[in-house]
Amino acid sequence: MRNRADVRELFNCDCGLRIAEYCTFLIKDYPSPQPLKTMSSYTPIIATLGFVLSPERTHTLLIHRNARPDDQHLGKYNGLGGKMQADEDVAGCMRREIREESGLECTEMILRGTINWPNFGKAGEDWLGFIFLISRFRGRPFAGNSEGTLGWHAVDQLHTLPMWPGDRYFLPLVFDGRPGVFHGCMPYRDGMPRSWHYERF
């Protein structure tokens, strides 16, 4: 199944994306895309992004990136995570990032998806993200860290928060409880996503 929609309409919806096991969204009226990098030059930054569920499974822990004026994410809400180190696997990276950023210890987490973000970085770097849902944890979260303040936010109200425009595409897939892992690609240009497609199996 394929869906096509104007990205501006999707951003105004209440996270009610029509989710299919295969779908594609195209941005209308966008300038012709530049050629993507060739396979030989594709060396993405590998990172993890985690969403910690509250015990009642209605809220998720987010960081409000409001601490550093030079932060590419300044003013936005996001899950917790960061770059993978050379001696880590992605699961170990996710546990470390959650521990460092929130003080929590992950005791159960699920890989919900992977996303290729070409040209996402400030200088056009490509990112490859592993998206986790942390369903059980130990400890109490910090009030904040060096990147901003931490807080619990209702899952069904995430669409009301300032965040990266593309997050509204994949967040429903993180929290919808459907089986399988999604694998998506979301090229960015000038700070905006220009398309989105994924498969889940």
N, C-alpha and C. Protein backbone atom coordinates (compact mmCIF):
# COMPACT_ATOMS: atom_id res chain seq x y z
N MET A 1 0.85 -1.19 0.00
CA MET A 1 0.00 0.00 0.00
C MET A 1 0.88 1.23 0.00
N ARG A 2 0.53 2.24 -0.78
CA ARG A 2 1.30 3.48 -0.85
C ARG A 2 0.38 4.66 -0.55
N ASN A 3 0.86 5.55 0.28
CA ASN A 3 0.13 6.77 0.57
C ASN A 3 0.99 7.95 0.16
N ARG A 4 0.39 8.99 -0.43
CA ARG A 4 1.09 10.21 -0.76
C ARG A 4 0.30 11.37 -0.16
N ALA A 5 1.01 12.30 0.45
CA ALA A 5 0.31 13.40 1.09
C ALA A 5 1.23 14.60 1.17
N ASP A 6 0.63 15.77 1.24
CA ASP A 6 1.39 17.00 1.42
C ASP A 6 1.89 17.02 2.85
N VAL A 7 3.19 17.23 3.02
CA VAL A 7 3.77 17.20 4.35
C VAL A 7 3.17 18.27 5.25
N ARG A 8 2.75 19.38 4.66
CA ARG A 8 2.19 20.45 5.48
C ARG A 8 0.87 20.03 6.11
N GLU A 9 0.09 19.20 5.42
CA GLU A 9 -1.14 18.69 6.01
C GLU A 9 -0.83 17.74 7.14
N LEU A 10 0.19 16.91 6.99
CA LEU A 10 0.53 15.95 8.02
C LEU A 10 0.97 16.65 9.29
N PHE A 11 1.70 17.75 9.15
CA PHE A 11 2.18 18.44 10.33
C PHE A 11 1.02 19.07 11.10
N ASN A 12 -0.08 19.34 10.47
CA ASN A 12 -1.22 19.94 11.14
C ASN A 12 -2.18 18.92 11.73
N CYS A 13 -1.94 17.64 11.47
CA CYS A 13 -2.86 16.62 11.96
C CYS A 13 -2.53 16.29 13.40
N ASP A 14 -3.43 15.59 14.07
CA ASP A 14 -3.24 15.19 15.46
C ASP A 14 -2.55 13.85 15.53
N CYS A 15 -1.40 13.74 14.89
CA CYS A 15 -0.63 12.50 14.86
C CYS A 15 -1.45 11.35 14.32
N GLY A 16 -2.49 11.65 13.56
CA GLY A 16 -3.34 10.59 13.03
C GLY A 16 -2.89 10.13 11.66
N LEU A 17 -1.61 9.81 11.53
CA LEU A 17 -1.12 9.38 10.22
C LEU A 17 -1.74 8.04 9.86
N ARG A 18 -2.03 7.88 8.58
CA ARG A 18 -2.54 6.60 8.09
C ARG A 18 -1.34 5.69 7.90
N ILE A 19 -1.16 4.79 8.84
CA ILE A 19 0.04 3.98 8.87
C ILE A 19 -0.20 2.68 8.14
N ALA A 20 0.63 2.39 7.17
CA ALA A 20 0.57 1.14 6.44
C ALA A 20 1.89 0.43 6.62
N GLU A 21 1.93 -0.83 6.23
CA GLU A 21 3.17 -1.57 6.37
C GLU A 21 4.19 -1.14 5.30
N TYR A 22 3.73 -0.46 4.28
CA TYR A 22 4.64 0.20 3.35
C TYR A 22 3.99 1.52 2.98
N CYS A 23 4.69 2.61 3.14
CA CYS A 23 4.10 3.88 2.73
C CYS A 23 5.19 4.86 2.34
N THR A 24 4.78 5.84 1.56
CA THR A 24 5.68 6.87 1.08
C THR A 24 4.95 8.20 1.15
N PHE A 25 5.63 9.23 1.66
CA PHE A 25 5.09 10.58 1.65
C PHE A 25 6.04 11.45 0.85
N LEU A 26 5.51 12.26 -0.03
CA LEU A 26 6.31 13.18 -0.82
C LEU A 26 5.92 14.61 -0.47
N ILE A 27 6.88 15.50 -0.48
CA ILE A 27 6.60 16.91 -0.24
C ILE A 27 6.33 17.57 -1.57
N LYS A 28 5.15 18.15 -1.70
CA LYS A 28 4.79 18.83 -2.95
C LYS A 28 5.49 20.18 -3.06
N ASP A 29 5.64 20.62 -4.29
CA ASP A 29 6.16 21.96 -4.57
C ASP A 29 7.54 22.21 -3.98
N TYR A 30 8.32 21.14 -3.82
CA TYR A 30 9.67 21.32 -3.30
C TYR A 30 10.64 21.36 -4.47
N PRO A 31 11.71 22.18 -4.37
CA PRO A 31 12.68 22.23 -5.48
C PRO A 31 13.23 20.85 -5.79
N SER A 32 13.65 20.65 -7.02
CA SER A 32 14.19 19.36 -7.42
C SER A 32 15.34 18.98 -6.50
N PRO A 33 15.30 17.75 -5.95
CA PRO A 33 16.33 17.35 -5.00
C PRO A 33 17.69 17.22 -5.66
N GLN A 34 18.72 17.50 -4.86
CA GLN A 34 20.07 17.27 -5.32
C GLN A 34 20.34 15.77 -5.32
N PRO A 35 21.24 15.29 -6.19
CA PRO A 35 21.54 13.87 -6.20
C PRO A 35 22.04 13.41 -4.84
N LEU A 36 21.58 12.22 -4.40
CA LEU A 36 22.05 11.68 -3.15
C LEU A 36 23.48 11.19 -3.31
N LYS A 37 24.16 11.07 -2.19
CA LYS A 37 25.54 10.61 -2.22
C LYS A 37 25.62 9.20 -2.77
N THR A 38 26.73 8.89 -3.39
CA THR A 38 26.91 7.54 -3.90
C THR A 38 27.20 6.60 -2.73
N MET A 39 27.03 5.30 -2.99
CA MET A 39 27.24 4.31 -1.95
C MET A 39 28.64 4.41 -1.36
N SER A 40 29.64 4.68 -2.20
CA SER A 40 31.02 4.70 -1.71
C SER A 40 31.28 5.86 -0.76
N SER A 41 30.48 6.93 -0.83
CA SER A 41 30.70 8.09 0.02
C SER A 41 29.73 8.17 1.19
N TYR A 42 28.91 7.16 1.32
CA TYR A 42 27.91 7.19 2.40
C TYR A 42 28.53 6.66 3.69
N THR A 43 28.86 7.54 4.60
CA THR A 43 29.44 7.16 5.88
C THR A 43 28.67 7.88 6.98
N PRO A 44 27.49 7.40 7.34
CA PRO A 44 26.63 8.12 8.27
C PRO A 44 27.16 8.10 9.70
N ILE A 45 26.73 9.08 10.46
CA ILE A 45 26.90 9.07 11.91
C ILE A 45 25.86 8.12 12.47
N ILE A 46 26.29 7.14 13.24
CA ILE A 46 25.37 6.15 13.79
C ILE A 46 24.98 6.58 15.20
N ALA A 47 23.68 6.58 15.47
CA ALA A 47 23.20 7.08 16.75
C ALA A 47 21.98 6.31 17.21
N THR A 48 21.65 6.48 18.47
CA THR A 48 20.44 5.89 19.04
C THR A 48 19.51 7.00 19.51
N LEU A 49 18.23 6.69 19.53
CA LEU A 49 17.21 7.61 20.02
C LEU A 49 16.20 6.78 20.80
N GLY A 50 16.02 7.11 22.07
CA GLY A 50 15.15 6.31 22.93
C GLY A 50 14.02 7.10 23.55
N PHE A 51 12.88 6.43 23.68
CA PHE A 51 11.70 7.02 24.30
C PHE A 51 11.32 6.15 25.50
N VAL A 52 11.50 6.72 26.69
CA VAL A 52 11.23 6.01 27.94
C VAL A 52 9.75 6.12 28.26
N LEU A 53 9.10 4.98 28.43
CA LEU A 53 7.68 4.96 28.78
C LEU A 53 7.50 5.04 30.30
N SER A 54 6.50 5.79 30.74
CA SER A 54 6.16 5.82 32.16
C SER A 54 5.57 4.48 32.57
N PRO A 55 5.58 4.15 33.87
CA PRO A 55 5.03 2.86 34.31
C PRO A 55 3.60 2.61 33.85
N GLU A 56 2.79 3.66 33.78
CA GLU A 56 1.41 3.49 33.32
C GLU A 56 1.30 3.51 31.80
N ARG A 57 2.43 3.72 31.11
CA ARG A 57 2.55 3.65 29.66
C ARG A 57 1.73 4.72 28.92
N THR A 58 1.52 5.82 29.58
CA THR A 58 0.78 6.92 28.95
C THR A 58 1.65 8.14 28.66
N HIS A 59 2.84 8.20 29.26
CA HIS A 59 3.74 9.34 29.10
C HIS A 59 5.12 8.85 28.67
N THR A 60 5.87 9.75 28.08
CA THR A 60 7.24 9.43 27.70
C THR A 60 8.16 10.56 28.15
N LEU A 61 9.38 10.20 28.49
CA LEU A 61 10.35 11.16 28.99
C LEU A 61 11.05 11.84 27.82
N LEU A 62 10.96 13.17 27.78
CA LEU A 62 11.58 13.94 26.70
C LEU A 62 12.52 14.98 27.28
N ILE A 63 13.47 15.38 26.48
CA ILE A 63 14.34 16.49 26.83
C ILE A 63 13.93 17.71 26.03
N HIS A 64 13.85 18.84 26.72
CA HIS A 64 13.62 20.12 26.05
C HIS A 64 14.98 20.76 25.86
N ARG A 65 15.45 20.82 24.63
CA ARG A 65 16.81 21.28 24.35
C ARG A 65 16.85 22.81 24.46
N ASN A 66 17.12 23.28 25.66
CA ASN A 66 17.08 24.72 25.91
C ASN A 66 18.30 25.24 26.66
N ALA A 67 19.39 24.46 26.69
CA ALA A 67 20.53 24.84 27.51
C ALA A 67 21.66 25.51 26.74
N ARG A 68 21.85 25.17 25.47
CA ARG A 68 23.00 25.69 24.72
C ARG A 68 22.55 26.51 23.52
N PRO A 69 22.92 27.78 23.47
CA PRO A 69 22.50 28.63 22.33
C PRO A 69 22.96 28.10 20.98
N ASP A 70 24.08 27.35 20.93
CA ASP A 70 24.59 26.85 19.66
C ASP A 70 24.06 25.46 19.31
N ASP A 71 23.11 24.99 20.06
CA ASP A 71 22.56 23.64 19.85
C ASP A 71 21.72 23.61 18.57
N GLN A 72 22.00 22.66 17.68
CA GLN A 72 21.21 22.51 16.46
C GLN A 72 19.75 22.22 16.78
N HIS A 73 19.50 21.62 17.94
CA HIS A 73 18.15 21.23 18.35
C HIS A 73 17.50 22.26 19.28
N LEU A 74 18.06 23.44 19.41
CA LEU A 74 17.61 24.41 20.40
C LEU A 74 16.10 24.67 20.30
N GLY A 75 15.44 24.57 21.45
CA GLY A 75 14.01 24.83 21.53
C GLY A 75 13.13 23.63 21.25
N LYS A 76 13.71 22.57 20.74
CA LYS A 76 12.91 21.40 20.37
C LYS A 76 12.87 20.37 21.49
N TYR A 77 11.80 19.57 21.47
CA TYR A 77 11.68 18.42 22.36
C TYR A 77 12.11 17.18 21.59
N ASN A 78 12.73 16.26 22.32
CA ASN A 78 13.22 15.06 21.66
C ASN A 78 13.35 13.94 22.67
N GLY A 79 13.50 12.72 22.15
CA GLY A 79 13.84 11.60 23.01
C GLY A 79 15.30 11.72 23.43
N LEU A 80 15.78 10.70 24.12
CA LEU A 80 17.15 10.70 24.62
C LEU A 80 18.03 9.83 23.74
N GLY A 81 19.28 10.20 23.60
CA GLY A 81 20.17 9.39 22.78
C GLY A 81 21.37 10.18 22.32
N GLY A 82 22.13 9.55 21.43
CA GLY A 82 23.32 10.20 20.92
C GLY A 82 24.15 9.26 20.08
N LYS A 83 25.35 9.68 19.77
CA LYS A 83 26.22 8.97 18.85
C LYS A 83 26.78 7.69 19.48
N MET A 84 26.89 6.66 18.66
CA MET A 84 27.48 5.40 19.11
C MET A 84 29.00 5.53 19.10
N GLN A 85 29.61 4.97 20.12
CA GLN A 85 31.06 4.96 20.21
C GLN A 85 31.64 3.73 19.52
N ALA A 86 32.93 3.79 19.21
CA ALA A 86 33.56 2.75 18.40
C ALA A 86 33.52 1.38 19.05
N ASP A 87 33.52 1.31 20.39
CA ASP A 87 33.57 0.03 21.07
C ASP A 87 32.19 -0.44 21.55
N GLU A 88 31.12 0.12 20.99
CA GLU A 88 29.77 -0.20 21.45
C GLU A 88 28.97 -0.91 20.37
N ASP A 89 27.95 -1.67 20.81
CA ASP A 89 26.86 -2.06 19.92
C ASP A 89 25.72 -1.08 20.16
N VAL A 90 24.68 -1.14 19.34
CA VAL A 90 23.62 -0.12 19.45
C VAL A 90 22.84 -0.25 20.76
N ALA A 91 22.67 -1.48 21.26
CA ALA A 91 21.94 -1.65 22.52
C ALA A 91 22.75 -1.05 23.67
N GLY A 92 24.06 -1.31 23.68
CA GLY A 92 24.90 -0.73 24.72
C GLY A 92 24.94 0.78 24.64
N CYS A 93 24.94 1.31 23.42
CA CYS A 93 24.90 2.76 23.24
C CYS A 93 23.62 3.34 23.81
N MET A 94 22.50 2.69 23.55
CA MET A 94 21.23 3.19 24.05
C MET A 94 21.19 3.19 25.57
N ARG A 95 21.65 2.12 26.18
CA ARG A 95 21.66 2.06 27.65
C ARG A 95 22.55 3.16 28.23
N ARG A 96 23.73 3.34 27.63
CA ARG A 96 24.64 4.37 28.13
C ARG A 96 24.05 5.76 28.01
N GLU A 97 23.45 6.06 26.85
CA GLU A 97 22.88 7.38 26.63
C GLU A 97 21.74 7.67 27.61
N ILE A 98 20.89 6.68 27.83
CA ILE A 98 19.79 6.87 28.79
C ILE A 98 20.35 7.10 30.20
N ARG A 99 21.37 6.34 30.56
CA ARG A 99 21.99 6.49 31.88
C ARG A 99 22.61 7.87 32.03
N GLU A 100 23.38 8.30 31.03
CA GLU A 100 24.08 9.58 31.12
C GLU A 100 23.12 10.76 31.10
N GLU A 101 22.08 10.67 30.28
CA GLU A 101 21.21 11.83 30.09
C GLU A 101 20.07 11.92 31.11
N SER A 102 19.68 10.77 31.68
CA SER A 102 18.53 10.81 32.59
C SER A 102 18.78 10.19 33.95
N GLY A 103 19.87 9.43 34.12
CA GLY A 103 20.11 8.74 35.38
C GLY A 103 19.37 7.43 35.52
N LEU A 104 18.62 7.03 34.51
CA LEU A 104 17.84 5.79 34.56
C LEU A 104 18.64 4.61 34.02
N GLU A 105 18.35 3.43 34.54
CA GLU A 105 18.92 2.19 34.03
C GLU A 105 17.84 1.43 33.28
N CYS A 106 18.08 1.17 32.01
CA CYS A 106 17.13 0.42 31.19
C CYS A 106 17.13 -1.05 31.62
N THR A 107 15.97 -1.59 31.92
CA THR A 107 15.86 -3.02 32.21
C THR A 107 15.08 -3.77 31.13
N GLU A 108 14.37 -3.04 30.29
CA GLU A 108 13.68 -3.66 29.15
C GLU A 108 13.53 -2.61 28.05
N MET A 109 13.96 -2.95 26.86
CA MET A 109 13.81 -2.02 25.74
C MET A 109 13.61 -2.80 24.45
N ILE A 110 12.92 -2.15 23.53
CA ILE A 110 12.52 -2.79 22.28
C ILE A 110 13.00 -1.92 21.13
N LEU A 111 13.66 -2.53 20.16
CA LEU A 111 14.00 -1.80 18.94
C LEU A 111 12.74 -1.64 18.11
N ARG A 112 12.31 -0.40 17.92
CA ARG A 112 11.07 -0.13 17.17
C ARG A 112 11.36 0.18 15.70
N GLY A 113 12.56 0.72 15.41
CA GLY A 113 12.82 1.04 14.02
C GLY A 113 14.21 1.59 13.78
N THR A 114 14.53 1.75 12.51
CA THR A 114 15.76 2.41 12.09
C THR A 114 15.39 3.47 11.06
N ILE A 115 16.13 4.57 11.08
CA ILE A 115 15.86 5.65 10.13
C ILE A 115 17.17 6.15 9.56
N ASN A 116 17.22 6.26 8.24
CA ASN A 116 18.32 6.89 7.53
C ASN A 116 17.93 8.34 7.29
N TRP A 117 18.75 9.27 7.83
CA TRP A 117 18.51 10.71 7.67
C TRP A 117 19.62 11.33 6.81
N PRO A 118 19.58 11.22 5.50
CA PRO A 118 20.60 11.89 4.68
C PRO A 118 20.54 13.41 4.85
N ASN A 119 21.72 14.04 4.92
CA ASN A 119 21.84 15.50 4.98
C ASN A 119 21.19 16.13 6.21
N PHE A 120 21.03 15.38 7.28
CA PHE A 120 20.35 15.91 8.46
C PHE A 120 21.24 16.84 9.27
N GLY A 121 22.52 16.59 9.32
CA GLY A 121 23.42 17.36 10.17
C GLY A 121 23.56 18.81 9.78
N LYS A 122 24.09 19.58 10.72
CA LYS A 122 24.25 21.02 10.51
C LYS A 122 25.10 21.32 9.28
N ALA A 123 26.10 20.46 9.02
CA ALA A 123 26.97 20.63 7.85
C ALA A 123 26.65 19.61 6.76
N GLY A 124 25.42 19.08 6.77
CA GLY A 124 25.01 18.14 5.75
C GLY A 124 25.39 16.70 6.01
N GLU A 125 25.77 16.39 7.25
CA GLU A 125 26.14 15.01 7.57
C GLU A 125 24.92 14.09 7.50
N ASP A 126 25.17 12.86 7.11
CA ASP A 126 24.13 11.83 7.12
C ASP A 126 24.09 11.18 8.50
N TRP A 127 22.89 10.84 8.95
CA TRP A 127 22.72 10.16 10.23
C TRP A 127 21.94 8.86 10.00
N LEU A 128 22.31 7.83 10.75
CA LEU A 128 21.57 6.57 10.76
C LEU A 128 21.18 6.30 12.20
N GLY A 129 19.87 6.32 12.48
CA GLY A 129 19.38 6.21 13.84
C GLY A 129 18.68 4.89 14.13
N PHE A 130 18.91 4.39 15.34
CA PHE A 130 18.23 3.20 15.86
C PHE A 130 17.27 3.68 16.94
N ILE A 131 15.97 3.43 16.72
CA ILE A 131 14.93 4.00 17.58
C ILE A 131 14.43 2.94 18.56
N PHE A 132 14.55 3.22 19.85
CA PHE A 132 14.17 2.28 20.89
C PHE A 132 13.00 2.81 21.72
N LEU A 133 12.20 1.87 22.22
CA LEU A 133 11.18 2.16 23.23
C LEU A 133 11.65 1.48 24.51
N ILE A 134 11.86 2.26 25.56
CA ILE A 134 12.31 1.72 26.84
C ILE A 134 11.06 1.50 27.69
N SER A 135 10.70 0.24 27.87
CA SER A 135 9.43 -0.09 28.51
C SER A 135 9.55 -0.34 30.01
N ARG A 136 10.76 -0.59 30.49
CA ARG A 136 11.01 -0.76 31.93
C ARG A 136 12.35 -0.16 32.28
N PHE A 137 12.42 0.40 33.50
CA PHE A 137 13.65 1.05 33.93
C PHE A 137 13.73 1.06 35.46
N ARG A 138 14.92 1.36 35.95
CA ARG A 138 15.14 1.57 37.38
C ARG A 138 15.61 2.99 37.61
N GLY A 139 15.19 3.56 38.75
CA GLY A 139 15.68 4.87 39.14
C GLY A 139 14.69 5.99 38.91
N ARG A 140 15.16 7.19 39.24
CA ARG A 140 14.38 8.41 39.05
C ARG A 140 15.12 9.31 38.09
N PRO A 141 14.41 9.89 37.13
CA PRO A 141 15.12 10.73 36.14
C PRO A 141 15.61 12.04 36.74
N PHE A 142 16.72 12.51 36.19
CA PHE A 142 17.21 13.84 36.53
C PHE A 142 16.15 14.89 36.18
N ALA A 143 16.27 16.06 36.80
CA ALA A 143 15.43 17.19 36.40
C ALA A 143 15.90 17.77 35.08
N GLY A 144 17.17 17.57 34.78
CA GLY A 144 17.73 18.09 33.54
C GLY A 144 19.17 17.66 33.40
N ASN A 145 19.80 18.06 32.31
CA ASN A 145 21.22 17.78 32.09
C ASN A 145 21.84 18.94 31.31
N SER A 146 23.02 18.73 30.80
CA SER A 146 23.73 19.84 30.14
C SER A 146 23.07 20.29 28.84
N GLU A 147 22.11 19.52 28.34
CA GLU A 147 21.44 19.88 27.08
C GLU A 147 20.07 20.51 27.28
N GLY A 148 19.50 20.36 28.49
CA GLY A 148 18.19 20.94 28.72
C GLY A 148 17.46 20.30 29.87
N THR A 149 16.16 20.56 29.96
CA THR A 149 15.33 20.05 31.04
C THR A 149 14.59 18.78 30.60
N LEU A 150 14.38 17.89 31.56
CA LEU A 150 13.68 16.63 31.31
C LEU A 150 12.28 16.69 31.90
N GLY A 151 11.34 16.07 31.22
CA GLY A 151 9.97 16.03 31.73
C GLY A 151 9.16 14.93 31.07
N TRP A 152 8.10 14.52 31.76
CA TRP A 152 7.18 13.50 31.23
C TRP A 152 6.09 14.19 30.42
N HIS A 153 5.80 13.66 29.24
CA HIS A 153 4.80 14.25 28.35
C HIS A 153 3.86 13.16 27.85
N ALA A 154 2.58 13.50 27.79
CA ALA A 154 1.57 12.54 27.35
C ALA A 154 1.84 12.11 25.91
N VAL A 155 1.82 10.82 25.67
CA VAL A 155 2.09 10.30 24.33
C VAL A 155 1.10 10.84 23.32
N ASP A 156 -0.17 10.96 23.73
CA ASP A 156 -1.19 11.42 22.78
C ASP A 156 -1.19 12.93 22.57
N GLN A 157 -0.24 13.64 23.20
CA GLN A 157 -0.13 15.09 23.00
C GLN A 157 1.22 15.51 22.43
N LEU A 158 2.00 14.55 21.99
CA LEU A 158 3.34 14.89 21.49
C LEU A 158 3.28 15.81 20.28
N HIS A 159 2.20 15.70 19.50
CA HIS A 159 2.10 16.52 18.30
C HIS A 159 1.97 18.01 18.61
N THR A 160 1.70 18.37 19.88
CA THR A 160 1.55 19.78 20.25
C THR A 160 2.89 20.42 20.61
N LEU A 161 3.95 19.63 20.71
CA LEU A 161 5.24 20.15 21.15
C LEU A 161 6.10 20.56 19.97
N PRO A 162 6.93 21.59 20.13
CA PRO A 162 7.88 21.92 19.07
C PRO A 162 8.94 20.83 18.96
N MET A 163 9.09 20.28 17.78
CA MET A 163 10.06 19.21 17.54
C MET A 163 10.50 19.27 16.09
N TRP A 164 11.45 18.42 15.72
CA TRP A 164 11.83 18.35 14.31
C TRP A 164 10.61 17.98 13.48
N PRO A 165 10.38 18.66 12.36
CA PRO A 165 9.18 18.38 11.56
C PRO A 165 9.02 16.91 11.20
N GLY A 166 10.12 16.24 10.92
CA GLY A 166 10.04 14.85 10.51
C GLY A 166 9.65 13.89 11.61
N ASP A 167 9.78 14.32 12.88
CA ASP A 167 9.45 13.41 13.99
C ASP A 167 8.00 12.96 13.95
N ARG A 168 7.14 13.80 13.42
CA ARG A 168 5.72 13.47 13.40
C ARG A 168 5.39 12.33 12.44
N TYR A 169 6.34 12.02 11.56
CA TYR A 169 6.14 10.88 10.68
C TYR A 169 6.35 9.57 11.40
N PHE A 170 7.44 9.47 12.18
CA PHE A 170 7.79 8.17 12.72
C PHE A 170 7.33 7.94 14.16
N LEU A 171 7.01 9.00 14.92
CA LEU A 171 6.61 8.80 16.31
C LEU A 171 5.39 7.89 16.46
N PRO A 172 4.37 8.00 15.59
CA PRO A 172 3.26 7.07 15.72
C PRO A 172 3.69 5.61 15.61
N LEU A 173 4.72 5.33 14.83
CA LEU A 173 5.20 3.96 14.68
C LEU A 173 5.91 3.47 15.94
N VAL A 174 6.49 4.38 16.69
CA VAL A 174 7.18 4.01 17.93
C VAL A 174 6.19 3.56 19.00
N PHE A 175 5.04 4.23 19.05
CA PHE A 175 4.11 4.03 20.16
C PHE A 175 2.86 3.22 19.81
N ASP A 176 2.71 2.78 18.56
CA ASP A 176 1.44 2.17 18.18
C ASP A 176 1.29 0.72 18.63
N GLY A 177 2.34 0.11 19.16
CA GLY A 177 2.24 -1.24 19.69
C GLY A 177 2.16 -2.34 18.65
N ARG A 178 2.23 -2.00 17.39
CA ARG A 178 2.17 -3.03 16.36
C ARG A 178 3.46 -3.84 16.33
N PRO A 179 3.37 -5.11 15.98
CA PRO A 179 4.58 -5.93 15.92
C PRO A 179 5.45 -5.54 14.73
N GLY A 180 6.70 -5.93 14.79
CA GLY A 180 7.62 -5.68 13.70
C GLY A 180 8.46 -4.44 13.94
N VAL A 181 9.52 -4.33 13.16
CA VAL A 181 10.45 -3.20 13.22
C VAL A 181 10.33 -2.43 11.90
N PHE A 182 10.20 -1.10 12.00
CA PHE A 182 10.12 -0.32 10.77
C PHE A 182 11.52 0.15 10.36
N HIS A 183 11.71 0.31 9.06
CA HIS A 183 12.98 0.77 8.52
C HIS A 183 12.67 1.86 7.51
N GLY A 184 13.06 3.09 7.84
CA GLY A 184 12.66 4.22 7.03
C GLY A 184 13.83 5.05 6.53
N CYS A 185 13.52 5.91 5.58
CA CYS A 185 14.49 6.86 5.03
C CYS A 185 13.82 8.22 4.93
N MET A 186 14.47 9.25 5.49
CA MET A 186 13.91 10.60 5.52
C MET A 186 14.99 11.61 5.16
N PRO A 187 15.21 11.88 3.88
CA PRO A 187 16.21 12.88 3.50
C PRO A 187 15.80 14.27 3.97
N TYR A 188 16.77 15.02 4.46
CA TYR A 188 16.55 16.41 4.89
C TYR A 188 17.23 17.36 3.92
N ARG A 189 16.69 18.56 3.86
CA ARG A 189 17.30 19.64 3.08
C ARG A 189 16.86 20.96 3.67
N ASP A 190 17.81 21.82 3.98
CA ASP A 190 17.52 23.13 4.58
C ASP A 190 16.70 22.99 5.85
N GLY A 191 17.02 21.96 6.65
CA GLY A 191 16.35 21.78 7.93
C GLY A 191 14.96 21.20 7.85
N MET A 192 14.54 20.74 6.68
CA MET A 192 13.20 20.18 6.51
C MET A 192 13.27 18.82 5.82
N PRO A 193 12.39 17.89 6.19
CA PRO A 193 12.35 16.61 5.48
C PRO A 193 11.73 16.81 4.10
N ARG A 194 12.28 16.16 3.09
CA ARG A 194 11.70 16.32 1.75
C ARG A 194 10.97 15.07 1.28
N SER A 195 11.11 13.95 1.99
CA SER A 195 10.31 12.76 1.69
C SER A 195 10.44 11.79 2.85
N TRP A 196 9.59 10.80 2.84
CA TRP A 196 9.63 9.79 3.90
C TRP A 196 9.04 8.50 3.35
N HIS A 197 9.77 7.41 3.52
CA HIS A 197 9.19 6.10 3.22
C HIS A 197 9.72 5.09 4.21
N TYR A 198 8.93 4.08 4.46
CA TYR A 198 9.37 3.03 5.38
C TYR A 198 8.68 1.72 5.03
N GLU A 199 9.29 0.66 5.51
CA GLU A 199 8.68 -0.67 5.51
C GLU A 199 8.75 -1.21 6.92
N ARG A 200 7.78 -2.05 7.27
CA ARG A 200 7.80 -2.67 8.60
C ARG A 200 7.51 -4.15 8.44
N PHE A 201 8.32 -4.94 9.07
CA PHE A 201 8.13 -6.39 9.00
C PHE A 201 8.73 -7.05 10.23
